[in-house]
Amino acid sequence: MLDRVQDPGNLGTIMRIADWFGIRQIVCSHDTVDVYNPKVVQATMGAISRVKVCYESIVDLLGRIDGVPVFGTFLDGDDIYSSELSGCGMIVFGNEGQGISPDVERLVSSRLTIPSFPPGAVTSESLNVGMAAAVTVAEFRRRIY
């Protein structure tokens, strides 16, 4: 799930990541960049033909889904490498500058972070949302298969 992702390159990259890792559907908030933006289409490198993207209220959708874990990526979450992950559920990635919106954040059951290395060192402020999606999805797939 993508909450308010604005950069066309990020959406296209995330679609390409989804395609690579066998994810066939992405749910976007209504205020996420348009999937048919030419820069999105170009960045998908063909994944647009295999990954379905739909736009709807993430809050409403998560409100209708019961018993499914909802993972969200945060700068202050639990270390993804030592957290319990499940083979099913939803993963929410937030806006490039503001993260996951407060309304969606309230529905997240597991807050995850990708730790920087080495611990405590001065590093970049955060990862690009496309990079965070790649690391996160790869870790879920690594654990499940």
N, C-alpha and C. Protein backbone atom coordinates (compact mmCIF):
# COMPACT_ATOMS: atom_id res chain seq x y z
N MET A 1 0.84 -1.17 0.00
CA MET A 1 0.00 0.00 0.00
C MET A 1 0.89 1.23 0.00
N LEU A 2 0.50 2.22 -0.81
CA LEU A 2 1.25 3.46 -0.89
C LEU A 2 0.38 4.61 -0.43
N ASP A 3 0.84 5.30 0.58
CA ASP A 3 0.10 6.40 1.18
C ASP A 3 0.72 7.74 0.76
N ARG A 4 0.12 8.39 -0.22
CA ARG A 4 0.49 9.74 -0.66
C ARG A 4 1.86 9.81 -1.32
N VAL A 5 2.31 8.76 -1.97
CA VAL A 5 3.59 8.79 -2.68
C VAL A 5 3.43 9.72 -3.89
N GLN A 6 4.32 10.69 -4.01
CA GLN A 6 4.17 11.74 -5.02
C GLN A 6 5.12 11.64 -6.20
N ASP A 7 6.28 11.07 -6.03
CA ASP A 7 7.27 11.04 -7.09
C ASP A 7 6.95 9.93 -8.10
N PRO A 8 6.77 10.27 -9.38
CA PRO A 8 6.46 9.25 -10.38
C PRO A 8 7.52 8.15 -10.46
N GLY A 9 8.78 8.53 -10.32
CA GLY A 9 9.85 7.53 -10.36
C GLY A 9 9.74 6.53 -9.23
N ASN A 10 9.32 7.00 -8.06
CA ASN A 10 9.15 6.10 -6.93
C ASN A 10 8.02 5.10 -7.18
N LEU A 11 6.87 5.57 -7.67
CA LEU A 11 5.78 4.63 -7.94
C LEU A 11 6.20 3.62 -8.99
N GLY A 12 6.83 4.07 -10.07
CA GLY A 12 7.29 3.13 -11.10
C GLY A 12 8.29 2.13 -10.56
N THR A 13 9.22 2.59 -9.75
CA THR A 13 10.21 1.70 -9.14
C THR A 13 9.54 0.69 -8.22
N ILE A 14 8.60 1.13 -7.43
CA ILE A 14 7.90 0.22 -6.52
C ILE A 14 7.10 -0.81 -7.30
N MET A 15 6.51 -0.41 -8.40
CA MET A 15 5.80 -1.39 -9.25
C MET A 15 6.77 -2.43 -9.80
N ARG A 16 7.95 -1.98 -10.19
CA ARG A 16 8.98 -2.89 -10.71
C ARG A 16 9.45 -3.86 -9.62
N ILE A 17 9.61 -3.34 -8.40
CA ILE A 17 9.97 -4.19 -7.25
C ILE A 17 8.88 -5.21 -7.00
N ALA A 18 7.63 -4.77 -7.01
CA ALA A 18 6.50 -5.68 -6.79
C ALA A 18 6.52 -6.79 -7.84
N ASP A 19 6.72 -6.42 -9.09
CA ASP A 19 6.77 -7.40 -10.17
C ASP A 19 7.88 -8.42 -9.93
N TRP A 20 9.05 -7.95 -9.54
CA TRP A 20 10.19 -8.83 -9.30
C TRP A 20 9.92 -9.84 -8.18
N PHE A 21 9.25 -9.37 -7.14
CA PHE A 21 9.01 -10.22 -5.97
C PHE A 21 7.64 -10.90 -5.98
N GLY A 22 6.94 -10.87 -7.10
CA GLY A 22 5.69 -11.62 -7.23
C GLY A 22 4.48 -10.98 -6.57
N ILE A 23 4.53 -9.71 -6.30
CA ILE A 23 3.37 -9.00 -5.75
C ILE A 23 2.57 -8.50 -6.93
N ARG A 24 1.31 -8.87 -7.01
CA ARG A 24 0.52 -8.58 -8.20
C ARG A 24 -0.44 -7.41 -8.04
N GLN A 25 -0.56 -6.84 -6.83
CA GLN A 25 -1.46 -5.72 -6.66
C GLN A 25 -0.89 -4.71 -5.67
N ILE A 26 -1.04 -3.44 -6.01
CA ILE A 26 -0.65 -2.34 -5.14
C ILE A 26 -1.88 -1.46 -4.95
N VAL A 27 -2.17 -1.13 -3.71
CA VAL A 27 -3.25 -0.20 -3.40
C VAL A 27 -2.61 1.15 -3.09
N CYS A 28 -3.13 2.19 -3.75
CA CYS A 28 -2.62 3.54 -3.55
C CYS A 28 -3.72 4.43 -2.98
N SER A 29 -3.32 5.33 -2.10
CA SER A 29 -4.27 6.34 -1.64
C SER A 29 -4.63 7.23 -2.84
N HIS A 30 -5.79 7.88 -2.74
CA HIS A 30 -6.24 8.73 -3.85
C HIS A 30 -5.26 9.84 -4.18
N ASP A 31 -4.44 10.25 -3.22
CA ASP A 31 -3.51 11.34 -3.47
C ASP A 31 -2.09 10.86 -3.79
N THR A 32 -1.98 9.62 -4.23
CA THR A 32 -0.71 9.10 -4.76
C THR A 32 -0.65 9.46 -6.25
N VAL A 33 0.54 9.65 -6.78
CA VAL A 33 0.72 10.01 -8.19
C VAL A 33 -0.02 9.03 -9.10
N ASP A 34 -0.49 9.53 -10.24
CA ASP A 34 -1.25 8.73 -11.20
C ASP A 34 -0.38 7.66 -11.85
N VAL A 35 -0.88 6.44 -11.86
CA VAL A 35 -0.13 5.32 -12.42
C VAL A 35 0.16 5.50 -13.90
N TYR A 36 -0.65 6.30 -14.61
CA TYR A 36 -0.44 6.50 -16.04
C TYR A 36 0.38 7.75 -16.36
N ASN A 37 0.96 8.37 -15.35
CA ASN A 37 1.90 9.46 -15.57
C ASN A 37 3.04 8.88 -16.43
N PRO A 38 3.44 9.56 -17.49
CA PRO A 38 4.48 9.00 -18.37
C PRO A 38 5.76 8.59 -17.64
N LYS A 39 6.14 9.33 -16.61
CA LYS A 39 7.35 8.98 -15.86
C LYS A 39 7.15 7.70 -15.05
N VAL A 40 5.93 7.47 -14.55
CA VAL A 40 5.63 6.23 -13.84
C VAL A 40 5.75 5.06 -14.82
N VAL A 41 5.07 5.19 -15.95
CA VAL A 41 5.07 4.12 -16.95
C VAL A 41 6.49 3.77 -17.37
N GLN A 42 7.30 4.77 -17.63
CA GLN A 42 8.68 4.52 -18.04
C GLN A 42 9.46 3.81 -16.94
N ALA A 43 9.29 4.25 -15.70
CA ALA A 43 10.05 3.67 -14.58
C ALA A 43 9.65 2.22 -14.28
N THR A 44 8.45 1.81 -14.70
CA THR A 44 8.03 0.42 -14.43
C THR A 44 8.78 -0.58 -15.29
N MET A 45 9.34 -0.13 -16.40
CA MET A 45 10.07 -1.01 -17.33
C MET A 45 9.22 -2.24 -17.70
N GLY A 46 7.94 -2.03 -17.90
CA GLY A 46 7.04 -3.11 -18.32
C GLY A 46 6.23 -3.73 -17.21
N ALA A 47 6.58 -3.46 -15.97
CA ALA A 47 5.85 -4.06 -14.84
C ALA A 47 4.39 -3.58 -14.80
N ILE A 48 4.09 -2.46 -15.43
CA ILE A 48 2.72 -1.95 -15.44
C ILE A 48 1.76 -2.94 -16.08
N SER A 49 2.27 -3.82 -16.92
CA SER A 49 1.40 -4.82 -17.57
C SER A 49 1.15 -6.03 -16.68
N ARG A 50 1.88 -6.14 -15.58
CA ARG A 50 1.72 -7.31 -14.71
C ARG A 50 1.29 -6.99 -13.28
N VAL A 51 1.42 -5.75 -12.86
CA VAL A 51 1.07 -5.36 -11.49
C VAL A 51 -0.15 -4.44 -11.55
N LYS A 52 -1.21 -4.87 -10.91
CA LYS A 52 -2.44 -4.08 -10.88
C LYS A 52 -2.32 -3.00 -9.81
N VAL A 53 -2.70 -1.79 -10.16
CA VAL A 53 -2.70 -0.67 -9.22
C VAL A 53 -4.13 -0.16 -9.11
N CYS A 54 -4.61 -0.04 -7.89
CA CYS A 54 -5.93 0.55 -7.68
C CYS A 54 -5.81 1.68 -6.67
N TYR A 55 -6.72 2.61 -6.78
CA TYR A 55 -6.74 3.78 -5.91
C TYR A 55 -7.99 3.73 -5.06
N GLU A 56 -7.80 3.80 -3.75
CA GLU A 56 -8.93 3.89 -2.83
C GLU A 56 -8.44 4.38 -1.48
N SER A 57 -9.37 4.64 -0.63
CA SER A 57 -9.02 5.11 0.71
C SER A 57 -8.37 3.96 1.48
N ILE A 58 -7.13 4.14 1.86
CA ILE A 58 -6.44 3.11 2.63
C ILE A 58 -7.11 2.93 3.98
N VAL A 59 -7.55 4.03 4.58
CA VAL A 59 -8.22 3.96 5.88
C VAL A 59 -9.49 3.12 5.76
N ASP A 60 -10.31 3.37 4.74
CA ASP A 60 -11.54 2.59 4.56
C ASP A 60 -11.24 1.12 4.29
N LEU A 61 -10.25 0.86 3.44
CA LEU A 61 -9.90 -0.53 3.12
C LEU A 61 -9.41 -1.27 4.36
N LEU A 62 -8.50 -0.67 5.11
CA LEU A 62 -8.00 -1.34 6.30
C LEU A 62 -9.10 -1.50 7.35
N GLY A 63 -10.07 -0.60 7.35
CA GLY A 63 -11.20 -0.73 8.26
C GLY A 63 -12.09 -1.91 7.93
N ARG A 64 -12.08 -2.33 6.67
CA ARG A 64 -12.91 -3.48 6.24
C ARG A 64 -12.18 -4.82 6.39
N ILE A 65 -10.88 -4.76 6.53
CA ILE A 65 -10.09 -5.99 6.64
C ILE A 65 -9.87 -6.30 8.11
N ASP A 66 -10.23 -7.50 8.50
CA ASP A 66 -10.11 -7.87 9.91
C ASP A 66 -9.16 -9.05 10.06
N GLY A 67 -8.28 -8.98 11.02
CA GLY A 67 -7.41 -10.10 11.32
C GLY A 67 -6.19 -10.23 10.44
N VAL A 68 -5.93 -9.25 9.60
CA VAL A 68 -4.76 -9.28 8.72
C VAL A 68 -3.73 -8.29 9.27
N PRO A 69 -2.50 -8.73 9.48
CA PRO A 69 -1.51 -7.79 9.99
C PRO A 69 -1.22 -6.66 9.00
N VAL A 70 -1.02 -5.47 9.55
CA VAL A 70 -0.69 -4.31 8.74
C VAL A 70 0.66 -3.80 9.22
N PHE A 71 1.65 -3.91 8.34
CA PHE A 71 3.00 -3.47 8.64
C PHE A 71 3.19 -2.08 8.04
N GLY A 72 3.84 -1.21 8.76
CA GLY A 72 4.14 0.12 8.25
C GLY A 72 5.61 0.43 8.45
N THR A 73 6.17 1.21 7.55
CA THR A 73 7.58 1.58 7.66
C THR A 73 7.70 2.97 8.28
N PHE A 74 8.52 3.06 9.32
CA PHE A 74 8.70 4.29 10.09
C PHE A 74 10.17 4.45 10.45
N LEU A 75 10.59 5.66 10.69
CA LEU A 75 11.96 5.89 11.13
C LEU A 75 12.18 5.40 12.56
N ASP A 76 11.09 5.33 13.35
CA ASP A 76 11.21 4.92 14.75
C ASP A 76 10.54 3.57 15.03
N GLY A 77 10.46 2.70 14.04
CA GLY A 77 9.83 1.40 14.22
C GLY A 77 10.77 0.38 14.83
N ASP A 78 10.31 -0.85 14.88
CA ASP A 78 11.12 -1.96 15.36
C ASP A 78 12.00 -2.48 14.22
N ASP A 79 13.19 -2.89 14.55
CA ASP A 79 14.15 -3.40 13.57
C ASP A 79 13.52 -4.52 12.75
N ILE A 80 13.43 -4.33 11.43
CA ILE A 80 12.81 -5.32 10.55
C ILE A 80 13.52 -6.66 10.61
N TYR A 81 14.83 -6.65 10.87
CA TYR A 81 15.61 -7.88 10.86
C TYR A 81 15.40 -8.74 12.10
N SER A 82 14.86 -8.17 13.16
CA SER A 82 14.59 -8.96 14.36
C SER A 82 13.10 -9.00 14.70
N SER A 83 12.26 -8.41 13.85
CA SER A 83 10.81 -8.40 14.08
C SER A 83 10.18 -9.65 13.50
N GLU A 84 9.06 -10.05 14.09
CA GLU A 84 8.30 -11.16 13.55
C GLU A 84 7.53 -10.67 12.33
N LEU A 85 7.70 -11.35 11.22
CA LEU A 85 7.00 -11.01 9.98
C LEU A 85 6.09 -12.17 9.61
N SER A 86 5.02 -11.90 8.90
CA SER A 86 4.10 -12.97 8.52
C SER A 86 4.07 -13.13 7.00
N GLY A 87 3.57 -14.26 6.57
CA GLY A 87 3.47 -14.57 5.15
C GLY A 87 2.30 -13.90 4.46
N CYS A 88 1.42 -13.30 5.23
CA CYS A 88 0.31 -12.57 4.64
C CYS A 88 0.16 -11.25 5.37
N GLY A 89 -0.50 -10.33 4.76
CA GLY A 89 -0.71 -9.04 5.38
C GLY A 89 -0.50 -7.92 4.39
N MET A 90 -0.50 -6.72 4.91
CA MET A 90 -0.32 -5.52 4.11
C MET A 90 0.92 -4.80 4.60
N ILE A 91 1.64 -4.17 3.67
CA ILE A 91 2.78 -3.33 4.01
C ILE A 91 2.47 -1.93 3.50
N VAL A 92 2.55 -0.94 4.37
CA VAL A 92 2.26 0.44 3.99
C VAL A 92 3.57 1.23 3.93
N PHE A 93 3.75 1.95 2.82
CA PHE A 93 4.87 2.86 2.64
C PHE A 93 4.29 4.26 2.50
N GLY A 94 4.93 5.23 3.14
CA GLY A 94 4.38 6.57 3.18
C GLY A 94 5.03 7.55 2.24
N ASN A 95 4.52 8.75 2.31
CA ASN A 95 4.97 9.89 1.51
C ASN A 95 6.45 10.15 1.71
N GLU A 96 7.11 10.60 0.65
CA GLU A 96 8.54 10.81 0.66
C GLU A 96 9.03 11.75 1.76
N GLY A 97 8.29 12.79 2.06
CA GLY A 97 8.74 13.75 3.06
C GLY A 97 8.03 13.68 4.39
N GLN A 98 6.82 13.11 4.40
CA GLN A 98 6.00 13.12 5.61
C GLN A 98 5.70 11.73 6.16
N GLY A 99 6.07 10.70 5.46
CA GLY A 99 5.82 9.35 5.94
C GLY A 99 4.36 8.96 5.83
N ILE A 100 3.96 8.02 6.64
CA ILE A 100 2.58 7.51 6.66
C ILE A 100 1.70 8.53 7.37
N SER A 101 0.54 8.79 6.81
CA SER A 101 -0.37 9.79 7.39
C SER A 101 -0.88 9.30 8.75
N PRO A 102 -1.21 10.24 9.65
CA PRO A 102 -1.68 9.86 10.99
C PRO A 102 -2.91 8.94 10.98
N ASP A 103 -3.84 9.15 10.05
CA ASP A 103 -5.04 8.30 9.99
C ASP A 103 -4.70 6.86 9.62
N VAL A 104 -3.76 6.68 8.72
CA VAL A 104 -3.33 5.33 8.34
C VAL A 104 -2.45 4.75 9.45
N GLU A 105 -1.60 5.57 10.04
CA GLU A 105 -0.70 5.12 11.10
C GLU A 105 -1.47 4.44 12.23
N ARG A 106 -2.63 4.97 12.57
CA ARG A 106 -3.44 4.38 13.66
C ARG A 106 -3.88 2.95 13.36
N LEU A 107 -3.88 2.56 12.10
CA LEU A 107 -4.34 1.23 11.71
C LEU A 107 -3.20 0.24 11.50
N VAL A 108 -1.97 0.71 11.66
CA VAL A 108 -0.79 -0.15 11.52
C VAL A 108 -0.61 -0.97 12.79
N SER A 109 -0.48 -2.28 12.62
CA SER A 109 -0.31 -3.16 13.79
C SER A 109 1.15 -3.43 14.12
N SER A 110 2.05 -3.28 13.14
CA SER A 110 3.48 -3.51 13.37
C SER A 110 4.28 -2.41 12.70
N ARG A 111 5.00 -1.64 13.51
CA ARG A 111 5.84 -0.55 13.01
C ARG A 111 7.25 -1.09 12.77
N LEU A 112 7.73 -0.97 11.54
CA LEU A 112 9.04 -1.50 11.18
C LEU A 112 9.97 -0.36 10.77
N THR A 113 11.26 -0.59 10.99
CA THR A 113 12.29 0.31 10.47
C THR A 113 13.43 -0.51 9.89
N ILE A 114 14.10 0.06 8.93
CA ILE A 114 15.31 -0.54 8.38
C ILE A 114 16.46 0.17 9.07
N PRO A 115 17.20 -0.53 9.93
CA PRO A 115 18.25 0.16 10.68
C PRO A 115 19.43 0.54 9.78
N SER A 116 20.03 1.67 10.10
CA SER A 116 21.24 2.05 9.39
C SER A 116 22.43 1.33 10.04
N PHE A 117 23.52 1.26 9.31
CA PHE A 117 24.71 0.58 9.81
C PHE A 117 25.92 1.49 9.64
N PRO A 118 26.85 1.40 10.54
CA PRO A 118 26.77 0.70 11.83
C PRO A 118 25.85 1.45 12.78
N PRO A 119 25.31 0.76 13.76
CA PRO A 119 24.40 1.42 14.70
C PRO A 119 25.05 2.63 15.35
N GLY A 120 24.30 3.72 15.41
CA GLY A 120 24.79 4.92 16.06
C GLY A 120 25.62 5.84 15.19
N ALA A 121 25.98 5.40 14.00
CA ALA A 121 26.80 6.23 13.11
C ALA A 121 25.95 7.30 12.45
N VAL A 122 26.58 8.40 12.08
CA VAL A 122 25.89 9.45 11.34
C VAL A 122 25.70 8.96 9.91
N THR A 123 24.45 8.94 9.45
CA THR A 123 24.14 8.47 8.10
C THR A 123 23.14 9.42 7.45
N SER A 124 22.65 9.05 6.30
CA SER A 124 21.59 9.80 5.64
C SER A 124 20.37 9.84 6.55
N GLU A 125 19.54 10.87 6.36
CA GLU A 125 18.35 11.04 7.19
C GLU A 125 17.39 9.86 7.05
N SER A 126 17.22 9.37 5.83
CA SER A 126 16.28 8.27 5.59
C SER A 126 16.58 7.66 4.23
N LEU A 127 15.89 6.56 3.94
CA LEU A 127 15.99 5.94 2.62
C LEU A 127 14.90 6.49 1.71
N ASN A 128 15.15 6.52 0.44
CA ASN A 128 14.13 6.79 -0.56
C ASN A 128 13.04 5.73 -0.43
N VAL A 129 11.77 6.09 -0.65
CA VAL A 129 10.68 5.13 -0.45
C VAL A 129 10.82 3.92 -1.38
N GLY A 130 11.34 4.11 -2.57
CA GLY A 130 11.57 2.97 -3.46
C GLY A 130 12.62 2.02 -2.90
N MET A 131 13.69 2.58 -2.36
CA MET A 131 14.73 1.75 -1.74
C MET A 131 14.19 1.04 -0.51
N ALA A 132 13.41 1.75 0.30
CA ALA A 132 12.82 1.15 1.50
C ALA A 132 11.89 0.01 1.11
N ALA A 133 11.14 0.19 0.04
CA ALA A 133 10.24 -0.87 -0.42
C ALA A 133 11.04 -2.10 -0.84
N ALA A 134 12.14 -1.89 -1.55
CA ALA A 134 12.97 -3.02 -2.00
C ALA A 134 13.52 -3.81 -0.82
N VAL A 135 14.08 -3.12 0.15
CA VAL A 135 14.66 -3.79 1.32
C VAL A 135 13.57 -4.52 2.11
N THR A 136 12.46 -3.85 2.31
CA THR A 136 11.37 -4.43 3.11
C THR A 136 10.78 -5.66 2.45
N VAL A 137 10.45 -5.56 1.18
CA VAL A 137 9.85 -6.70 0.48
C VAL A 137 10.85 -7.85 0.38
N ALA A 138 12.10 -7.54 0.15
CA ALA A 138 13.12 -8.59 0.09
C ALA A 138 13.22 -9.33 1.42
N GLU A 139 13.14 -8.61 2.52
CA GLU A 139 13.23 -9.26 3.84
C GLU A 139 12.00 -10.14 4.08
N PHE A 140 10.82 -9.69 3.70
CA PHE A 140 9.62 -10.53 3.85
C PHE A 140 9.77 -11.79 3.00
N ARG A 141 10.19 -11.64 1.77
CA ARG A 141 10.34 -12.80 0.88
C ARG A 141 11.43 -13.75 1.39
N ARG A 142 12.52 -13.20 1.87
CA ARG A 142 13.62 -14.03 2.39
C ARG A 142 13.13 -14.91 3.52
N ARG A 143 12.32 -14.37 4.39
CA ARG A 143 11.85 -15.13 5.56
C ARG A 143 10.78 -16.14 5.20
N ILE A 144 9.99 -15.85 4.18
CA ILE A 144 8.85 -16.71 3.86
C ILE A 144 9.25 -17.89 3.00
N TYR A 145 10.25 -17.69 2.13
CA TYR A 145 10.60 -18.77 1.19
C TYR A 145 11.95 -19.32 1.44
